[in-house]
N, C-alpha and C. Protein backbone atom coordinates (compact mmCIF):
# COMPACT_ATOMS: atom_id res chain seq x y z
N MET A 1 0.83 -1.09 0.24
CA MET A 1 0.19 -0.43 0.08
C MET A 1 0.64 1.36 0.10
N SER A 2 2.09 1.07 0.88
CA SER A 2 3.00 2.98 0.96
C SER A 2 3.31 2.48 -0.38
N GLN A 3 3.88 1.44 -1.35
CA GLN A 3 4.24 2.06 -2.43
C GLN A 3 3.74 2.10 -3.43
N LEU A 4 1.86 2.35 -3.32
CA LEU A 4 0.90 2.81 -4.23
C LEU A 4 1.09 4.36 -4.03
N LYS A 5 1.15 4.61 -2.66
CA LYS A 5 0.95 5.66 -2.48
C LYS A 5 2.17 6.70 -2.76
N LEU A 6 3.27 5.89 -2.75
CA LEU A 6 4.72 6.95 -3.27
C LEU A 6 4.29 7.21 -4.67
N LEU A 7 3.95 6.08 -5.29
CA LEU A 7 3.90 6.11 -6.87
C LEU A 7 2.89 7.23 -7.33
N LEU A 8 1.97 7.28 -6.57
CA LEU A 8 1.08 8.40 -6.93
C LEU A 8 1.78 9.96 -6.67
N LEU A 9 2.11 9.89 -5.16
CA LEU A 9 2.84 11.14 -5.29
C LEU A 9 4.31 11.34 -6.01
N LEU A 10 4.67 10.37 -6.44
CA LEU A 10 5.76 11.15 -7.86
C LEU A 10 4.83 11.29 -8.56
N VAL A 11 4.12 10.45 -9.31
CA VAL A 11 3.09 11.07 -10.48
C VAL A 11 2.68 12.66 -10.15
N SER A 12 1.99 12.67 -9.27
CA SER A 12 1.77 14.35 -8.73
C SER A 12 2.79 15.29 -8.92
N PHE A 13 3.92 14.90 -8.57
CA PHE A 13 5.16 15.98 -8.57
C PHE A 13 5.60 15.96 -9.96
N SER A 14 5.47 14.88 -10.70
CA SER A 14 5.89 14.99 -12.19
C SER A 14 4.79 15.60 -12.93
N CYS A 15 3.49 15.82 -12.64
CA CYS A 15 2.64 16.62 -13.42
C CYS A 15 3.13 17.89 -12.99
N LEU A 16 3.01 18.07 -11.52
CA LEU A 16 3.43 19.60 -11.38
C LEU A 16 4.42 19.98 -12.03
N SER A 17 5.62 19.41 -12.09
CA SER A 17 6.60 20.08 -12.95
C SER A 17 6.52 20.23 -14.39
N LEU A 18 5.87 19.31 -14.95
CA LEU A 18 6.10 19.66 -16.53
C LEU A 18 4.81 20.71 -16.61
N HIS A 19 3.76 20.83 -15.62
CA HIS A 19 3.23 22.55 -15.92
C HIS A 19 4.15 23.81 -15.76
N CYS A 20 4.85 23.25 -14.34
CA CYS A 20 5.34 24.67 -14.51
C CYS A 20 6.36 24.87 -15.20
N LYS A 21 7.29 23.93 -15.98
CA LYS A 21 7.79 24.17 -16.96
C LYS A 21 7.23 24.71 -18.58
N LYS A 22 5.88 24.17 -18.73
CA LYS A 22 5.09 25.05 -19.79
C LYS A 22 5.14 26.47 -19.52
N GLY A 23 4.62 26.79 -18.45
CA GLY A 23 4.48 28.50 -17.69
C GLY A 23 5.76 29.09 -18.05
N GLU A 24 6.92 28.29 -17.53
CA GLU A 24 8.14 28.91 -17.66
C GLU A 24 8.78 29.11 -19.33
N ASP A 25 8.35 28.07 -20.12
CA ASP A 25 8.28 28.58 -21.55
C ASP A 25 7.85 29.51 -21.97
N GLU A 26 6.95 29.78 -21.47
CA GLU A 26 5.95 30.79 -22.24
C GLU A 26 6.68 32.22 -21.50
N ILE A 27 7.06 31.87 -20.29
CA ILE A 27 7.95 33.40 -19.95
C ILE A 27 9.01 33.69 -20.37
N ASN A 28 9.83 32.48 -20.99
CA ASN A 28 11.18 32.60 -21.54
C ASN A 28 10.92 33.39 -22.85
N LYS A 29 9.63 33.79 -23.38
CA LYS A 29 9.44 33.66 -24.54
C LYS A 29 9.48 35.72 -24.88
N LEU A 30 9.33 36.03 -23.46
CA LEU A 30 8.92 37.69 -23.10
C LEU A 30 10.21 38.22 -23.40
N PRO A 31 10.33 39.42 -23.63
CA PRO A 31 11.65 40.22 -23.31
C PRO A 31 12.20 40.17 -21.97
N PRO A 32 13.39 40.56 -21.78
CA PRO A 32 13.77 40.65 -20.39
C PRO A 32 13.27 42.26 -19.56
N ALA A 33 13.11 42.03 -18.28
CA ALA A 33 12.65 43.03 -17.77
C ALA A 33 13.88 44.04 -17.52
N THR A 34 13.74 45.20 -18.38
CA THR A 34 15.12 45.87 -18.35
C THR A 34 14.81 46.98 -18.29
N SER A 35 15.36 48.46 -18.26
CA SER A 35 15.29 49.49 -17.72
C SER A 35 16.37 50.77 -18.60
N TYR A 36 16.53 50.51 -19.07
CA TYR A 36 17.94 51.24 -20.29
C TYR A 36 17.09 51.71 -21.67
N GLY A 37 15.95 51.55 -21.66
CA GLY A 37 15.45 51.84 -22.99
C GLY A 37 15.45 51.10 -23.92
N ALA A 38 15.27 49.63 -24.04
CA ALA A 38 15.52 48.55 -24.91
C ALA A 38 14.25 48.67 -26.01
N GLY A 39 13.53 49.39 -26.09
CA GLY A 39 12.12 49.47 -26.89
C GLY A 39 11.42 48.21 -27.26
N THR A 40 11.61 47.42 -25.77
CA THR A 40 10.44 46.07 -25.94
C THR A 40 8.97 46.36 -25.11
N PHE A 41 8.31 45.10 -25.34
CA PHE A 41 7.04 45.13 -24.74
C PHE A 41 6.72 43.75 -24.85
N GLY A 42 6.14 43.02 -24.03
CA GLY A 42 5.76 42.07 -24.08
C GLY A 42 4.59 41.40 -22.83
N CYS A 43 3.90 40.08 -22.88
CA CYS A 43 3.30 40.03 -21.23
C CYS A 43 2.66 38.75 -22.10
N LEU A 44 2.10 38.33 -21.20
CA LEU A 44 1.52 36.60 -21.04
C LEU A 44 0.22 37.12 -21.34
N ILE A 45 -0.70 36.38 -21.90
CA ILE A 45 -2.50 36.87 -22.58
C ILE A 45 -2.69 35.29 -22.30
N ASN A 46 -3.78 35.10 -21.20
CA ASN A 46 -4.17 33.93 -20.51
C ASN A 46 -3.08 33.02 -20.83
N GLY A 47 -2.13 33.04 -20.14
CA GLY A 47 -0.61 32.17 -19.81
C GLY A 47 -0.14 31.72 -21.36
N LYS A 48 -0.32 32.79 -22.32
CA LYS A 48 0.58 32.40 -23.52
C LYS A 48 1.53 34.09 -23.73
N ALA A 49 2.45 33.71 -24.51
CA ALA A 49 3.35 34.72 -25.22
C ALA A 49 2.78 35.53 -25.50
N TRP A 50 2.53 37.27 -25.52
CA TRP A 50 2.61 38.06 -26.60
C TRP A 50 3.31 38.14 -27.34
N PRO A 51 3.77 37.69 -28.77
CA PRO A 51 4.46 37.68 -29.26
C PRO A 51 5.55 39.03 -28.92
N LEU A 52 6.85 38.64 -28.82
CA LEU A 52 7.90 39.80 -28.64
C LEU A 52 8.10 40.92 -29.84
N ARG A 53 7.85 41.70 -29.51
CA ARG A 53 7.72 42.84 -30.25
C ARG A 53 8.33 44.51 -29.99
N THR A 54 8.29 45.23 -30.94
CA THR A 54 8.97 46.97 -30.48
C THR A 54 7.10 47.34 -30.09
N PRO A 55 7.16 48.36 -29.57
CA PRO A 55 6.01 48.87 -29.29
C PRO A 55 5.60 50.01 -30.63
N SER A 56 4.76 49.90 -31.49
CA SER A 56 4.74 50.76 -32.25
C SER A 56 4.41 52.09 -32.12
N GLU A 57 3.88 52.34 -30.89
CA GLU A 57 4.23 53.85 -30.45
C GLU A 57 4.30 54.18 -29.20
N ALA A 58 4.89 54.95 -28.23
CA ALA A 58 4.82 55.11 -26.94
C ALA A 58 4.89 56.70 -26.68
N HIS A 59 4.57 56.90 -25.70
CA HIS A 59 4.77 58.59 -25.20
C HIS A 59 4.44 58.39 -23.72
N TYR A 60 4.87 59.44 -23.22
CA TYR A 60 5.28 60.02 -21.85
C TYR A 60 5.28 61.64 -21.85
N HIS A 61 4.41 62.11 -20.97
CA HIS A 61 4.18 63.77 -20.87
C HIS A 61 3.14 64.01 -19.65
N ASP A 62 3.78 64.38 -18.88
CA ASP A 62 2.92 65.13 -17.95
C ASP A 62 1.76 64.15 -17.25
N GLY A 63 2.35 63.17 -16.99
CA GLY A 63 1.77 61.99 -16.11
C GLY A 63 0.96 60.70 -17.17
N ILE A 64 0.92 61.48 -18.19
CA ILE A 64 0.39 60.53 -19.11
C ILE A 64 1.02 59.53 -19.76
N LEU A 65 0.80 57.97 -19.43
CA LEU A 65 1.72 57.21 -20.57
C LEU A 65 1.00 56.58 -21.40
N TYR A 66 1.28 56.37 -22.94
CA TYR A 66 0.62 55.83 -24.18
C TYR A 66 1.61 54.82 -24.31
N ILE A 67 1.08 53.50 -24.83
CA ILE A 67 1.85 52.45 -25.37
C ILE A 67 0.92 51.88 -26.16
N SER A 68 1.55 51.55 -27.33
CA SER A 68 0.64 51.21 -28.68
C SER A 68 1.43 49.84 -29.31
N SER A 69 1.04 48.52 -29.38
CA SER A 69 1.42 47.78 -30.32
C SER A 69 0.60 46.92 -30.93
N THR A 70 1.10 47.07 -32.38
CA THR A 70 -0.02 46.50 -33.10
C THR A 70 0.95 45.94 -34.62
N ILE A 71 -0.09 44.43 -34.76
CA ILE A 71 0.81 44.05 -35.62
C ILE A 71 -0.50 44.00 -37.23
N VAL A 72 0.08 44.47 -38.00
CA VAL A 72 -0.48 44.53 -39.31
C VAL A 72 -0.23 43.78 -40.49
N THR A 73 -1.24 43.31 -41.27
CA THR A 73 -0.76 42.58 -42.39
C THR A 73 -1.77 43.24 -43.42
N PHE A 74 -0.75 42.92 -45.12
CA PHE A 74 -1.36 43.52 -45.58
C PHE A 74 -1.76 42.62 -46.82
N ASP A 75 -3.15 42.91 -47.73
CA ASP A 75 -3.12 41.58 -48.56
C ASP A 75 -3.20 42.56 -49.86
N GLY A 76 -1.79 43.16 -50.20
CA GLY A 76 -1.84 43.83 -51.63
C GLY A 76 -2.12 45.29 -51.39
N ILE A 77 -3.33 45.42 -51.12
CA ILE A 77 -3.82 46.88 -50.80
C ILE A 77 -4.43 47.64 -49.52
N ASN A 78 -5.19 46.28 -49.01
CA ASN A 78 -6.07 46.52 -47.68
C ASN A 78 -5.20 46.23 -46.38
N PRO A 79 -4.68 47.17 -45.25
CA PRO A 79 -4.64 46.76 -43.98
C PRO A 79 -5.32 45.63 -43.05
N THR A 80 -5.06 44.88 -42.46
CA THR A 80 -5.85 43.96 -41.79
C THR A 80 -5.13 44.31 -40.04
N VAL A 81 -5.81 44.79 -39.19
CA VAL A 81 -5.44 43.97 -37.83
C VAL A 81 -5.19 42.81 -37.37
N GLU A 82 -3.80 42.40 -37.18
CA GLU A 82 -4.31 41.07 -36.56
C GLU A 82 -3.97 41.02 -35.42
N GLU A 83 -3.38 41.61 -34.49
CA GLU A 83 -3.33 41.80 -33.01
C GLU A 83 -3.16 43.61 -32.64
N ALA A 84 -3.59 43.36 -31.83
CA ALA A 84 -3.29 45.17 -31.12
C ALA A 84 -2.91 44.89 -29.67
N MET A 85 -2.66 46.11 -28.88
CA MET A 85 -2.69 46.18 -27.39
C MET A 85 -2.38 47.63 -27.25
N THR A 86 -3.08 48.46 -26.64
CA THR A 86 -3.04 49.83 -26.13
C THR A 86 -3.64 49.99 -24.67
N LEU A 87 -2.52 50.64 -24.27
CA LEU A 87 -2.38 50.87 -22.34
C LEU A 87 -2.42 52.31 -22.59
N THR A 88 -3.13 52.64 -21.71
CA THR A 88 -2.87 54.58 -21.47
C THR A 88 -3.28 54.77 -20.24
N THR A 89 -2.62 55.89 -19.34
CA THR A 89 -3.09 56.09 -18.19
C THR A 89 -2.67 57.72 -17.86
N ASN A 90 -3.42 58.36 -17.18
CA ASN A 90 -2.95 59.80 -17.05
C ASN A 90 -2.10 60.33 -15.36
N LYS A 91 -2.09 58.88 -14.75
CA LYS A 91 -1.66 59.00 -13.26
C LYS A 91 -0.10 58.78 -13.04
N ILE A 92 0.71 58.32 -14.08
CA ILE A 92 2.03 57.69 -13.57
C ILE A 92 2.77 59.28 -13.58
N HIS A 93 3.32 59.57 -12.49
CA HIS A 93 4.23 60.68 -12.13
C HIS A 93 5.72 60.31 -11.77
N LYS A 94 5.52 59.31 -10.99
CA LYS A 94 7.41 58.84 -10.67
C LYS A 94 7.42 57.46 -10.65
N PRO A 95 8.37 56.74 -10.38
CA PRO A 95 8.46 55.21 -10.01
C PRO A 95 7.72 54.92 -9.11
N GLY A 96 7.20 53.62 -9.02
CA GLY A 96 6.47 53.09 -7.91
C GLY A 96 5.66 52.40 -8.44
N GLN A 97 4.59 51.50 -7.45
CA GLN A 97 3.52 50.87 -7.76
C GLN A 97 2.28 51.46 -7.74
N TYR A 98 1.23 51.28 -9.19
CA TYR A 98 -0.12 52.04 -9.54
C TYR A 98 -0.77 51.05 -9.64
N PHE A 99 -2.02 51.23 -8.11
CA PHE A 99 -3.35 50.45 -8.62
C PHE A 99 -4.44 51.03 -9.34
N ILE A 100 -4.96 51.35 -10.57
CA ILE A 100 -5.70 52.15 -11.18
C ILE A 100 -6.81 51.68 -11.44
N SER A 101 -8.42 52.01 -10.86
CA SER A 101 -9.22 51.50 -10.98
C SER A 101 -10.11 51.65 -12.35
N TYR A 102 -10.87 50.61 -12.86
CA TYR A 102 -11.54 50.48 -14.22
C TYR A 102 -12.17 52.16 -14.34
N LYS A 103 -12.94 52.02 -13.07
CA LYS A 103 -13.73 53.33 -13.04
C LYS A 103 -13.84 54.51 -13.53
N ASN A 104 -12.29 54.72 -13.52
CA ASN A 104 -11.94 56.06 -14.56
C ASN A 104 -11.62 55.80 -16.14
N PHE A 105 -12.40 54.69 -16.74
CA PHE A 105 -11.73 53.97 -17.95
C PHE A 105 -11.43 55.36 -19.22
N SER A 106 -12.31 56.43 -18.87
CA SER A 106 -11.95 57.58 -19.69
C SER A 106 -10.89 58.27 -19.52
N ASP A 107 -10.07 57.68 -18.53
CA ASP A 107 -8.74 58.44 -18.46
C ASP A 107 -7.76 57.37 -18.57
N ASP A 108 -8.03 56.18 -18.21
CA ASP A 108 -7.01 54.73 -18.16
C ASP A 108 -7.78 54.11 -18.71
N TRP A 109 -7.20 53.28 -19.69
CA TRP A 109 -7.83 52.14 -20.39
C TRP A 109 -7.11 51.32 -21.00
N CYS A 110 -7.42 50.19 -21.51
CA CYS A 110 -6.77 49.07 -21.87
C CYS A 110 -8.00 48.65 -23.03
N VAL A 111 -6.92 48.47 -24.89
CA VAL A 111 -8.07 47.56 -25.42
C VAL A 111 -6.74 46.03 -25.75
N ILE A 112 -7.53 45.21 -25.93
CA ILE A 112 -6.70 44.22 -26.81
C ILE A 112 -7.69 43.62 -27.65
N MET A 113 -7.17 43.32 -28.86
CA MET A 113 -7.87 42.97 -30.08
C MET A 113 -6.83 41.89 -30.75
N ASP A 114 -7.87 40.97 -31.60
CA ASP A 114 -7.32 39.91 -32.38
C ASP A 114 -8.61 40.25 -33.61
N LYS A 115 -8.52 39.16 -34.41
CA LYS A 115 -8.99 39.35 -35.25
C LYS A 115 -10.46 38.51 -34.71
N THR A 116 -10.75 38.16 -33.98
CA THR A 116 -12.21 37.81 -33.63
C THR A 116 -13.03 38.36 -32.26
N THR A 117 -11.97 38.95 -31.44
CA THR A 117 -12.59 39.48 -30.44
C THR A 117 -11.70 40.31 -29.64
N ALA A 118 -12.46 41.89 -29.10
CA ALA A 118 -11.52 42.76 -28.45
C ALA A 118 -12.32 42.72 -27.23
N TYR A 119 -11.41 43.32 -26.60
CA TYR A 119 -11.53 43.30 -24.86
C TYR A 119 -11.07 44.80 -24.59
N ASP A 120 -11.89 45.36 -23.78
CA ASP A 120 -11.59 46.43 -23.39
C ASP A 120 -12.01 47.01 -21.54
N SER A 121 -11.32 47.69 -21.31
CA SER A 121 -11.62 48.13 -20.31
C SER A 121 -12.97 48.65 -19.74
N GLY A 122 -13.32 49.44 -20.80
CA GLY A 122 -15.05 50.28 -20.58
C GLY A 122 -15.97 48.90 -20.17
N SER A 123 -15.69 47.57 -20.89
CA SER A 123 -16.68 46.49 -20.75
C SER A 123 -16.89 45.95 -19.51
N GLN A 124 -16.03 46.48 -18.45
CA GLN A 124 -16.11 45.86 -17.28
C GLN A 124 -16.20 46.82 -15.76
N THR A 125 -16.80 47.72 -16.01
CA THR A 125 -16.05 48.56 -15.09
C THR A 125 -17.05 47.81 -13.51
N ASN A 126 -17.91 46.96 -13.53
CA ASN A 126 -18.31 46.08 -12.20
C ASN A 126 -18.01 44.71 -12.61
N GLN A 127 -16.92 44.61 -12.89
CA GLN A 127 -16.23 43.03 -12.86
C GLN A 127 -15.71 43.36 -11.64
N GLU A 128 -15.85 41.99 -10.98
CA GLU A 128 -15.02 41.39 -9.86
C GLU A 128 -14.28 40.70 -9.57
N PRO A 129 -13.09 40.19 -9.07
CA PRO A 129 -12.34 40.97 -8.32
C PRO A 129 -11.01 41.91 -8.98
N GLU A 130 -10.85 41.87 -10.03
CA GLU A 130 -9.92 42.50 -10.75
C GLU A 130 -10.50 43.49 -11.70
N ASN A 131 -10.63 44.59 -10.93
CA ASN A 131 -11.11 45.96 -11.59
C ASN A 131 -10.21 47.00 -11.29
N TYR A 132 -9.14 46.36 -11.39
CA TYR A 132 -8.05 47.40 -11.39
C TYR A 132 -6.53 47.29 -12.41
N PHE A 133 -5.98 48.30 -13.03
CA PHE A 133 -4.78 47.82 -13.80
C PHE A 133 -3.47 47.91 -12.97
N TYR A 134 -2.76 47.21 -12.82
CA TYR A 134 -1.38 47.01 -11.85
C TYR A 134 -0.65 47.52 -12.88
N TYR A 135 0.35 48.64 -12.41
CA TYR A 135 1.79 49.17 -13.13
C TYR A 135 2.73 49.50 -12.56
N ASN A 136 3.90 48.86 -12.06
CA ASN A 136 4.81 49.05 -11.27
C ASN A 136 6.21 49.69 -12.30
N ILE A 137 6.17 50.96 -12.25
CA ILE A 137 7.01 51.69 -12.77
C ILE A 137 8.72 51.80 -12.15
N THR A 138 9.35 51.26 -12.82
CA THR A 138 10.76 51.02 -12.10
C THR A 138 11.41 52.13 -12.88
N ARG A 139 11.41 52.99 -13.89
CA ARG A 139 12.26 54.03 -14.37
C ARG A 139 11.41 54.86 -14.98
N LEU A 140 11.54 56.02 -14.73
CA LEU A 140 10.99 56.77 -15.41
C LEU A 140 11.75 57.97 -15.47
N ASP A 141 12.52 58.31 -16.55
CA ASP A 141 13.89 59.34 -16.85
C ASP A 141 13.46 60.42 -17.78
N SER A 142 13.19 61.58 -17.18
CA SER A 142 12.53 62.44 -18.46
C SER A 142 14.20 63.16 -18.83
N ILE A 143 15.13 62.82 -18.63
CA ILE A 143 16.34 63.26 -19.16
C ILE A 143 16.62 62.39 -20.57
N ASN A 144 16.28 61.26 -20.08
CA ASN A 144 16.97 60.46 -21.33
C ASN A 144 15.58 59.83 -22.06
N HIS A 145 14.56 60.33 -21.71
CA HIS A 145 13.23 59.86 -22.22
C HIS A 145 12.89 58.26 -22.27
N ILE A 146 13.14 57.70 -20.81
CA ILE A 146 12.91 56.40 -20.82
C ILE A 146 11.91 55.84 -20.08
N VAL A 147 11.03 55.04 -19.96
CA VAL A 147 10.10 54.58 -18.84
C VAL A 147 10.25 53.22 -18.99
N SER A 148 9.88 52.48 -18.00
CA SER A 148 10.53 51.06 -17.87
C SER A 148 9.03 50.39 -16.51
N GLY A 149 8.93 49.02 -16.67
CA GLY A 149 7.93 48.88 -15.79
C GLY A 149 7.37 47.41 -15.72
N THR A 150 6.41 47.14 -15.34
CA THR A 150 5.98 45.73 -15.32
C THR A 150 4.44 46.44 -15.31
N PHE A 151 3.27 45.24 -15.25
CA PHE A 151 1.92 45.55 -15.53
C PHE A 151 1.35 43.83 -15.55
N SER A 152 -0.03 44.20 -15.26
CA SER A 152 -0.84 43.20 -15.31
C SER A 152 -2.40 43.36 -15.25
N PHE A 153 -3.40 43.00 -15.75
CA PHE A 153 -5.02 43.26 -15.29
C PHE A 153 -5.68 42.23 -16.61
N ALA A 154 -6.70 42.16 -16.38
CA ALA A 154 -7.67 41.47 -16.58
C ALA A 154 -8.97 42.28 -17.69
N LEU A 155 -9.40 41.96 -18.73
CA LEU A 155 -9.91 42.48 -19.26
C LEU A 155 -11.33 41.86 -19.94
N PHE A 156 -12.37 41.98 -20.22
CA PHE A 156 -13.80 41.12 -20.60
C PHE A 156 -14.19 41.80 -22.14
N ASP A 157 -14.98 41.08 -23.01
CA ASP A 157 -15.38 41.67 -24.00
C ASP A 157 -16.65 42.08 -23.50
N ALA A 158 -17.52 42.88 -24.77
CA ALA A 158 -18.39 43.54 -24.71
C ALA A 158 -19.38 43.10 -23.62
N PHE A 159 -19.56 41.77 -23.92
CA PHE A 159 -20.69 40.84 -23.45
C PHE A 159 -20.29 40.08 -21.73
N GLY A 160 -19.27 39.94 -21.37
CA GLY A 160 -18.73 39.66 -20.15
C GLY A 160 -18.67 38.45 -20.16
N THR A 161 -18.22 37.68 -21.52
CA THR A 161 -18.65 36.40 -21.33
C THR A 161 -16.84 35.44 -21.33
N SER A 162 -16.14 36.47 -22.07
CA SER A 162 -14.64 36.37 -22.01
C SER A 162 -14.10 37.26 -21.83
N SER A 163 -12.83 36.85 -21.65
CA SER A 163 -11.75 37.03 -20.78
C SER A 163 -10.19 37.31 -21.45
N ALA A 164 -9.72 37.90 -21.27
CA ALA A 164 -8.18 38.20 -21.47
C ALA A 164 -7.27 38.60 -20.02
N ARG A 165 -6.48 37.48 -19.59
CA ARG A 165 -5.97 38.18 -18.34
C ARG A 165 -4.51 38.07 -18.64
N VAL A 166 -3.95 39.44 -18.40
CA VAL A 166 -2.46 39.83 -18.88
C VAL A 166 -1.88 39.83 -17.54
N SER A 167 -0.59 39.12 -17.76
CA SER A 167 0.09 39.10 -16.79
C SER A 167 1.72 39.07 -17.15
N ASP A 168 2.54 39.21 -16.02
CA ASP A 168 4.09 39.25 -16.34
C ASP A 168 4.30 40.27 -17.63
N GLY A 169 3.27 41.29 -17.61
CA GLY A 169 3.66 42.32 -18.81
C GLY A 169 5.12 43.46 -18.40
N ARG A 170 5.66 43.73 -19.61
CA ARG A 170 6.68 44.58 -19.12
C ARG A 170 7.38 45.66 -20.22
N PHE A 171 7.68 46.05 -20.24
CA PHE A 171 7.76 47.41 -21.08
C PHE A 171 9.25 48.20 -20.44
N ASP A 172 10.03 48.39 -21.87
CA ASP A 172 11.23 49.39 -21.33
C ASP A 172 11.30 49.91 -22.58
N ILE A 173 11.08 51.54 -23.12
CA ILE A 173 10.70 52.27 -23.92
C ILE A 173 11.29 53.54 -24.14
N LYS A 174 11.84 54.10 -24.98
CA LYS A 174 12.55 55.29 -25.08
C LYS A 174 11.20 56.29 -25.80
N TYR A 175 10.73 57.03 -25.18
CA TYR A 175 8.90 57.38 -25.48
C TYR A 175 9.29 59.00 -25.95
N ALA A 176 8.59 59.21 -27.07
CA ALA A 176 8.54 60.12 -27.38
C ALA A 176 8.19 61.58 -26.81
N PRO A 177 8.64 62.68 -25.90
CA PRO A 177 7.94 63.40 -25.13
C PRO A 177 7.29 64.29 -25.88
């Protein structure tokens, strides 16, 4: 009987290590968390790595942080947005942690889109328990125009039936003042 318990315990640990390995593989696809203006942006969306890319546009001025990353393809004539993420807030004034409520989504908002679904902060002002954006600004350098940090949040579609949970987000950008 004790051999059966030992075997079950070993199988359980093996399954746990495989699950952790998969999550680690996805995190390893993200850019490193740097703070020297590397021009990087990435995160996990529902546990899968958002493809490594440079932000399409990034600005910081007087507390307003705006970061946009978009993948667009062309069929020869017409552009098609394959994936897009836009983050904006007007509350970042110095390095530190920020918990920003979705209730002021006209000032602080986020949109994630792909070909089939759009998630945005305006669709979830009554969602619980994750009703805030989390930003940890690790560098805000107005001389060299660099802003770096991490972020996480959850968004829902317009019907509240599908969610995009963003975790392990990181950015390190030189911004346009």
